[in-house]
Amino acid sequence: MATILRNWSYRYQWLYDGISRLAAFSVGGETRFRKLALQDLIIHSDTQVLDLCCGSGQTTQFLVNLSQNVTGLDASPKSLQRARQNVPLASYVEAFAEKMPFADNLFDVVHTSVALHEMQPQQLRKIINEVYRVLKPGGVFTLVDFHAPTNPIFWPGISLFLLLFETETAWELLKTDLAGLLTENQFKVSQPILYAGGSLQVIQAKK
């Protein structure tokens, strides 16, 4: 169930941005946070990149500095309007992540940042299948999202954050083995890298 703070954060860009910056302090700031899932990836100017569930373009901004072929996909018209204003160098598509209007084997890299926790379990499986479909052979799906803290000190902080700004799907993700789901869908998955006491995970999975 969505809280009023969650609704406000999507309605007011300044609030959303402020929350993002605050949450990113745990990994050294927003710039580092936005680059976490991109570490060790080789992205050239002609690399076909999909920023999946791109929101208002926070990570898209970093991707367009690496490639001239960045597409942002999101289901929210309001978010895409903001993304076009914030990052005009990317192309944008309004669509649901579980039914992407792209050809098979199109992208070299699919990236998503703290979006999968928004999905119901069945949606999540469909999205993973779709990502596999639109990636080229050898392409990489890279993501950062919540994870159950491995350091008990971080449980109060993430619990409060989820209570104030997230829904039950975020709690469900804490119990989900994302790497396992990706492996089930034929991805070759690297060991998840954990940050912020284990409360954030970065996974890179190759088709």
C-alpha atoms as a PDB file:
ATOM      1  CA  MET A   1       0.000   0.000   0.000  1.00  0.00           C
ATOM      2  CA  ALA A   2       1.474   3.333  -1.068  1.00  0.00           C
ATOM      3  CA  THR A   3       2.124   5.983   1.566  1.00  0.00           C
ATOM      4  CA  ILE A   4       1.421   9.687   1.101  1.00  0.00           C
ATOM      5  CA  LEU A   5       5.186  10.328   1.128  1.00  0.00           C
ATOM      6  CA  ARG A   6       5.608   7.914  -1.769  1.00  0.00           C
ATOM      7  CA  ASN A   7       2.870   9.661  -3.733  1.00  0.00           C
ATOM      8  CA  TRP A   8       4.398  13.073  -3.051  1.00  0.00           C
ATOM      9  CA  SER A   9       7.855  11.857  -4.112  1.00  0.00           C
ATOM     10  CA  TYR A  10       6.487  10.917  -7.545  1.00  0.00           C
ATOM     11  CA  ARG A  11       4.470  14.100  -7.867  1.00  0.00           C
ATOM     12  CA  TYR A  12       7.244  16.518  -6.905  1.00  0.00           C
ATOM     13  CA  GLN A  13      10.576  16.163  -8.661  1.00  0.00           C
ATOM     14  CA  TRP A  14      12.480  18.103  -5.982  1.00  0.00           C
ATOM     15  CA  LEU A  15      11.271  15.692  -3.288  1.00  0.00           C
ATOM     16  CA  TYR A  16      12.140  12.617  -5.352  1.00  0.00           C
ATOM     17  CA  ASP A  17      15.603  13.983  -6.061  1.00  0.00           C
ATOM     18  CA  GLY A  18      16.145  14.824  -2.407  1.00  0.00           C
ATOM     19  CA  ILE A  19      15.151  11.340  -1.296  1.00  0.00           C
ATOM     20  CA  SER A  20      17.457   9.803  -3.907  1.00  0.00           C
ATOM     21  CA  ARG A  21      20.408  11.864  -2.715  1.00  0.00           C
ATOM     22  CA  LEU A  22      19.710  11.032   0.917  1.00  0.00           C
ATOM     23  CA  ALA A  23      19.476   7.295   0.202  1.00  0.00           C
ATOM     24  CA  ALA A  24      22.703   7.422  -1.821  1.00  0.00           C
ATOM     25  CA  PHE A  25      24.763   8.701   1.108  1.00  0.00           C
ATOM     26  CA  SER A  26      25.193   5.106   2.271  1.00  0.00           C
ATOM     27  CA  VAL A  27      27.365   4.333  -0.793  1.00  0.00           C
ATOM     28  CA  GLY A  28      29.224   7.622  -1.054  1.00  0.00           C
ATOM     29  CA  GLY A  29      26.780   9.900  -2.825  1.00  0.00           C
ATOM     30  CA  GLU A  30      24.430   9.900  -5.793  1.00  0.00           C
ATOM     31  CA  THR A  31      27.118  10.013  -8.497  1.00  0.00           C
ATOM     32  CA  ARG A  32      28.728   6.839  -7.175  1.00  0.00           C
ATOM     33  CA  PHE A  33      25.328   5.212  -6.635  1.00  0.00           C
ATOM     34  CA  ARG A  34      24.245   5.818 -10.234  1.00  0.00           C
ATOM     35  CA  LYS A  35      27.475   4.253 -11.508  1.00  0.00           C
ATOM     36  CA  LEU A  36      27.453   1.159  -9.267  1.00  0.00           C
ATOM     37  CA  ALA A  37      25.810  -1.144 -11.809  1.00  0.00           C
ATOM     38  CA  LEU A  38      27.952   0.213 -14.656  1.00  0.00           C
ATOM     39  CA  GLN A  39      31.316  -0.718 -13.132  1.00  0.00           C
ATOM     40  CA  ASP A  40      33.578  -2.858 -15.333  1.00  0.00           C
ATOM     41  CA  LEU A  41      31.183  -2.642 -18.291  1.00  0.00           C
ATOM     42  CA  ILE A  42      32.709  -1.786 -21.656  1.00  0.00           C
ATOM     43  CA  ILE A  43      30.390   0.751 -23.278  1.00  0.00           C
ATOM     44  CA  HIS A  44      31.428   2.455 -26.517  1.00  0.00           C
ATOM     45  CA  SER A  45      29.798   5.329 -28.364  1.00  0.00           C
ATOM     46  CA  ASP A  46      27.913   2.883 -30.608  1.00  0.00           C
ATOM     47  CA  THR A  47      26.829   0.479 -27.834  1.00  0.00           C
ATOM     48  CA  GLN A  48      23.068  -0.033 -27.858  1.00  0.00           C
ATOM     49  CA  VAL A  49      21.925   0.656 -24.278  1.00  0.00           C
ATOM     50  CA  LEU A  50      18.458   0.354 -22.742  1.00  0.00           C
ATOM     51  CA  ASP A  51      17.798   2.180 -19.484  1.00  0.00           C
ATOM     52  CA  LEU A  52      14.877   0.086 -18.285  1.00  0.00           C
ATOM     53  CA  CYS A  53      12.363   1.846 -16.023  1.00  0.00           C
ATOM     54  CA  CYS A  54      14.405   4.991 -16.532  1.00  0.00           C
ATOM     55  CA  GLY A  55      12.208   7.261 -14.418  1.00  0.00           C
ATOM     56  CA  SER A  56      13.192  10.898 -14.783  1.00  0.00           C
ATOM     57  CA  GLY A  57      16.563  10.020 -16.309  1.00  0.00           C
ATOM     58  CA  GLN A  58      18.855  10.067 -13.266  1.00  0.00           C
ATOM     59  CA  THR A  59      21.015   7.222 -14.575  1.00  0.00           C
ATOM     60  CA  THR A  60      20.260   7.956 -18.216  1.00  0.00           C
ATOM     61  CA  GLN A  61      22.335  11.108 -17.722  1.00  0.00           C
ATOM     62  CA  PHE A  62      25.417   9.003 -17.026  1.00  0.00           C
ATOM     63  CA  LEU A  63      24.687   6.549 -19.850  1.00  0.00           C
ATOM     64  CA  VAL A  64      24.537   9.223 -22.564  1.00  0.00           C
ATOM     65  CA  ASN A  65      28.069  10.229 -21.603  1.00  0.00           C
ATOM     66  CA  LEU A  66      29.188   6.727 -22.577  1.00  0.00           C
ATOM     67  CA  SER A  67      27.025   5.905 -25.612  1.00  0.00           C
ATOM     68  CA  GLN A  68      25.248   7.802 -28.364  1.00  0.00           C
ATOM     69  CA  ASN A  69      22.607   5.053 -28.581  1.00  0.00           C
ATOM     70  CA  VAL A  70      20.709   5.175 -25.295  1.00  0.00           C
ATOM     71  CA  THR A  71      16.996   4.410 -25.050  1.00  0.00           C
ATOM     72  CA  GLY A  72      14.998   5.040 -21.898  1.00  0.00           C
ATOM     73  CA  LEU A  73      11.840   3.024 -21.289  1.00  0.00           C
ATOM     74  CA  ASP A  74       9.242   3.776 -18.636  1.00  0.00           C
ATOM     75  CA  ALA A  75       5.497   3.284 -18.178  1.00  0.00           C
ATOM     76  CA  SER A  76       4.961   6.717 -16.619  1.00  0.00           C
ATOM     77  CA  PRO A  77       4.247   9.587 -19.042  1.00  0.00           C
ATOM     78  CA  LYS A  78       5.117  12.119 -16.328  1.00  0.00           C
ATOM     79  CA  SER A  79       8.501  10.505 -15.677  1.00  0.00           C
ATOM     80  CA  LEU A  80       9.279  10.387 -19.390  1.00  0.00           C
ATOM     81  CA  GLN A  81       8.350  14.036 -19.779  1.00  0.00           C
ATOM     82  CA  ARG A  82      10.870  14.878 -17.065  1.00  0.00           C
ATOM     83  CA  ALA A  83      13.463  12.557 -18.596  1.00  0.00           C
ATOM     84  CA  ARG A  84      13.164  14.235 -21.988  1.00  0.00           C
ATOM     85  CA  GLN A  85      13.742  17.601 -20.327  1.00  0.00           C
ATOM     86  CA  ASN A  86      16.590  16.363 -18.132  1.00  0.00           C
ATOM     87  CA  VAL A  87      18.379  14.210 -20.717  1.00  0.00           C
ATOM     88  CA  PRO A  88      17.379  15.193 -24.273  1.00  0.00           C
ATOM     89  CA  LEU A  89      20.239  13.205 -25.851  1.00  0.00           C
ATOM     90  CA  ALA A  90      18.488   9.860 -25.220  1.00  0.00           C
ATOM     91  CA  SER A  91      15.506   8.363 -27.041  1.00  0.00           C
ATOM     92  CA  TYR A  92      12.441   7.423 -25.012  1.00  0.00           C
ATOM     93  CA  VAL A  93       9.679   4.839 -25.240  1.00  0.00           C
ATOM     94  CA  GLU A  94       6.538   4.672 -23.113  1.00  0.00           C
ATOM     95  CA  ALA A  95       5.810   1.020 -22.391  1.00  0.00           C
ATOM     96  CA  PHE A  96       5.648  -1.584 -19.645  1.00  0.00           C
ATOM     97  CA  ALA A  97       8.859  -3.447 -18.877  1.00  0.00           C
ATOM     98  CA  GLU A  98       7.102  -6.810 -19.073  1.00  0.00           C
ATOM     99  CA  LYS A  99       5.977  -6.142 -22.669  1.00  0.00           C
ATOM    100  CA  MET A 100       8.678  -4.157 -24.433  1.00  0.00           C
ATOM    101  CA  PRO A 101       8.046  -3.031 -28.027  1.00  0.00           C
ATOM    102  CA  PHE A 102      11.532  -3.961 -29.217  1.00  0.00           C
ATOM    103  CA  ALA A 103      12.883  -6.557 -31.624  1.00  0.00           C
ATOM    104  CA  ASP A 104      14.755  -9.602 -30.370  1.00  0.00           C
ATOM    105  CA  ASN A 105      18.531  -9.319 -29.856  1.00  0.00           C
ATOM    106  CA  LEU A 106      18.574  -5.510 -30.099  1.00  0.00           C
ATOM    107  CA  PHE A 107      20.563  -4.213 -27.112  1.00  0.00           C
ATOM    108  CA  ASP A 108      24.135  -4.754 -25.948  1.00  0.00           C
ATOM    109  CA  VAL A 109      23.354  -3.578 -22.404  1.00  0.00           C
ATOM    110  CA  VAL A 110      20.124  -3.385 -20.428  1.00  0.00           C
ATOM    111  CA  HIS A 111      20.381  -1.414 -17.204  1.00  0.00           C
ATOM    112  CA  THR A 112      17.865  -0.856 -14.438  1.00  0.00           C
ATOM    113  CA  SER A 113      18.286   1.036 -11.178  1.00  0.00           C
ATOM    114  CA  VAL A 114      16.129   0.392  -8.081  1.00  0.00           C
ATOM    115  CA  ALA A 115      13.068  -0.489 -10.151  1.00  0.00           C
ATOM    116  CA  LEU A 116      12.596  -4.245  -9.871  1.00  0.00           C
ATOM    117  CA  HIS A 117      11.400  -3.913  -6.266  1.00  0.00           C
ATOM    118  CA  GLU A 118       8.313  -2.174  -7.679  1.00  0.00           C
ATOM    119  CA  MET A 119       7.185  -5.362  -9.425  1.00  0.00           C
ATOM    120  CA  GLN A 120       4.914  -8.184  -8.370  1.00  0.00           C
ATOM    121  CA  PRO A 121       6.602 -11.628  -8.539  1.00  0.00           C
ATOM    122  CA  GLN A 122       4.873 -12.574 -11.806  1.00  0.00           C
ATOM    123  CA  GLN A 123       5.792  -9.211 -13.334  1.00  0.00           C
ATOM    124  CA  LEU A 124       9.380  -9.706 -12.281  1.00  0.00           C
ATOM    125  CA  ARG A 125       9.621 -13.056 -14.060  1.00  0.00           C
ATOM    126  CA  LYS A 126       8.079 -11.617 -17.226  1.00  0.00           C
ATOM    127  CA  ILE A 127      10.514  -8.693 -17.160  1.00  0.00           C
ATOM    128  CA  ILE A 128      13.501 -10.996 -16.832  1.00  0.00           C
ATOM    129  CA  ASN A 129      12.217 -13.008 -19.808  1.00  0.00           C
ATOM    130  CA  GLU A 130      11.777  -9.809 -21.825  1.00  0.00           C
ATOM    131  CA  VAL A 131      15.245  -8.561 -20.959  1.00  0.00           C
ATOM    132  CA  TYR A 132      16.699 -11.865 -22.130  1.00  0.00           C
ATOM    133  CA  ARG A 133      14.745 -11.565 -25.377  1.00  0.00           C
ATOM    134  CA  VAL A 134      15.837  -8.015 -26.269  1.00  0.00           C
ATOM    135  CA  LEU A 135      19.503  -8.546 -25.371  1.00  0.00           C
ATOM    136  CA  LYS A 136      21.965  -9.594 -28.041  1.00  0.00           C
ATOM    137  CA  PRO A 137      23.846 -12.870 -27.415  1.00  0.00           C
ATOM    138  CA  GLY A 138      26.675 -11.916 -25.099  1.00  0.00           C
ATOM    139  CA  GLY A 139      24.782  -8.818 -23.961  1.00  0.00           C
ATOM    140  CA  VAL A 140      24.656  -7.831 -20.296  1.00  0.00           C
ATOM    141  CA  PHE A 141      21.756  -7.124 -17.949  1.00  0.00           C
ATOM    142  CA  THR A 142      23.056  -4.976 -15.109  1.00  0.00           C
ATOM    143  CA  LEU A 143      20.998  -3.873 -12.122  1.00  0.00           C
ATOM    144  CA  VAL A 144      21.089  -2.366  -8.658  1.00  0.00           C
ATOM    145  CA  ASP A 145      18.295  -2.839  -6.158  1.00  0.00           C
ATOM    146  CA  PHE A 146      17.450  -3.557  -2.544  1.00  0.00           C
ATOM    147  CA  HIS A 147      18.760  -6.599  -0.700  1.00  0.00           C
ATOM    148  CA  ALA A 148      18.197  -7.932   2.802  1.00  0.00           C
ATOM    149  CA  PRO A 149      20.996  -6.355   4.912  1.00  0.00           C
ATOM    150  CA  THR A 150      23.777  -8.674   5.955  1.00  0.00           C
ATOM    151  CA  ASN A 151      24.840  -6.193   8.651  1.00  0.00           C
ATOM    152  CA  PRO A 152      22.116  -5.882  11.344  1.00  0.00           C
ATOM    153  CA  ILE A 153      22.986  -2.211  11.867  1.00  0.00           C
ATOM    154  CA  PHE A 154      21.417  -1.421   8.478  1.00  0.00           C
ATOM    155  CA  TRP A 155      18.046  -3.094   9.158  1.00  0.00           C
ATOM    156  CA  PRO A 156      16.440  -0.106  10.971  1.00  0.00           C
ATOM    157  CA  GLY A 157      17.402   2.303   8.188  1.00  0.00           C
ATOM    158  CA  ILE A 158      16.157   0.216   5.277  1.00  0.00           C
ATOM    159  CA  SER A 159      13.026  -0.781   7.196  1.00  0.00           C
ATOM    160  CA  LEU A 160      12.137   2.857   7.824  1.00  0.00           C
ATOM    161  CA  PHE A 161      12.826   3.768   4.206  1.00  0.00           C
ATOM    162  CA  LEU A 162      10.602   0.974   2.888  1.00  0.00           C
ATOM    163  CA  LEU A 163       7.825   1.832   5.337  1.00  0.00           C
ATOM    164  CA  LEU A 164       7.816   5.494   4.313  1.00  0.00           C
ATOM    165  CA  PHE A 165       8.378   5.266   0.563  1.00  0.00           C
ATOM    166  CA  GLU A 166       7.758   1.753  -0.742  1.00  0.00           C
ATOM    167  CA  THR A 167       5.058  -0.905  -0.978  1.00  0.00           C
ATOM    168  CA  GLU A 168       4.868  -4.582  -0.110  1.00  0.00           C
ATOM    169  CA  THR A 169       6.679  -5.538  -3.324  1.00  0.00           C
ATOM    170  CA  ALA A 170       9.897  -4.027  -1.936  1.00  0.00           C
ATOM    171  CA  TRP A 171       9.638  -6.229   1.147  1.00  0.00           C
ATOM    172  CA  GLU A 172       9.018  -9.201  -1.140  1.00  0.00           C
ATOM    173  CA  LEU A 173      12.225  -8.462  -3.054  1.00  0.00           C
ATOM    174  CA  LEU A 174      14.231  -8.715   0.175  1.00  0.00           C
ATOM    175  CA  LYS A 175      13.169 -12.374   0.275  1.00  0.00           C
ATOM    176  CA  THR A 176      13.828 -12.973  -3.446  1.00  0.00           C
ATOM    177  CA  ASP A 177      16.946 -14.581  -4.872  1.00  0.00           C
ATOM    178  CA  LEU A 178      17.354 -12.334  -7.916  1.00  0.00           C
ATOM    179  CA  ALA A 179      20.542 -14.051  -9.039  1.00  0.00           C
ATOM    180  CA  GLY A 180      18.728 -17.369  -8.853  1.00  0.00           C
ATOM    181  CA  LEU A 181      15.819 -16.075 -10.939  1.00  0.00           C
ATOM    182  CA  LEU A 182      18.216 -14.816 -13.588  1.00  0.00           C
ATOM    183  CA  THR A 183      20.039 -18.151 -13.656  1.00  0.00           C
ATOM    184  CA  GLU A 184      16.707 -19.952 -14.110  1.00  0.00           C
ATOM    185  CA  ASN A 185      16.155 -17.780 -17.184  1.00  0.00           C
ATOM    186  CA  GLN A 186      19.424 -18.895 -18.806  1.00  0.00           C
ATOM    187  CA  PHE A 187      21.520 -15.886 -17.789  1.00  0.00           C
ATOM    188  CA  LYS A 188      25.112 -16.437 -16.754  1.00  0.00           C
ATOM    189  CA  VAL A 189      25.195 -14.530 -13.482  1.00  0.00           C
ATOM    190  CA  SER A 190      28.164 -13.082 -11.665  1.00  0.00           C
ATOM    191  CA  GLN A 191      28.249 -13.120  -7.872  1.00  0.00           C
ATOM    192  CA  PRO A 192      26.111 -10.235  -6.568  1.00  0.00           C
ATOM    193  CA  ILE A 193      28.157  -7.397  -5.078  1.00  0.00           C
ATOM    194  CA  LEU A 194      26.675  -5.987  -1.888  1.00  0.00           C
ATOM    195  CA  TYR A 195      26.888  -2.412  -0.597  1.00  0.00           C
ATOM    196  CA  ALA A 196      25.628  -0.452   2.399  1.00  0.00           C
ATOM    197  CA  GLY A 197      25.794  -3.327   4.853  1.00  0.00           C
ATOM    198  CA  GLY A 198      24.248  -5.653   2.295  1.00  0.00           C
ATOM    199  CA  SER A 199      21.124  -3.503   1.805  1.00  0.00           C
ATOM    200  CA  LEU A 200      21.935  -2.890  -1.874  1.00  0.00           C
ATOM    201  CA  GLN A 201      22.920  -5.480  -4.457  1.00  0.00           C
ATOM    202  CA  VAL A 202      24.515  -5.097  -7.874  1.00  0.00           C
ATOM    203  CA  ILE A 203      24.138  -7.961 -10.337  1.00  0.00           C
ATOM    204  CA  GLN A 204      25.542  -8.299 -13.833  1.00  0.00           C
ATOM    205  CA  ALA A 205      24.106 -11.146 -15.896  1.00  0.00           C
ATOM    206  CA  LYS A 206      25.191 -12.157 -19.407  1.00  0.00           C
ATOM    207  CA  LYS A 207      22.968 -13.644 -22.103  1.00  0.00           C
END
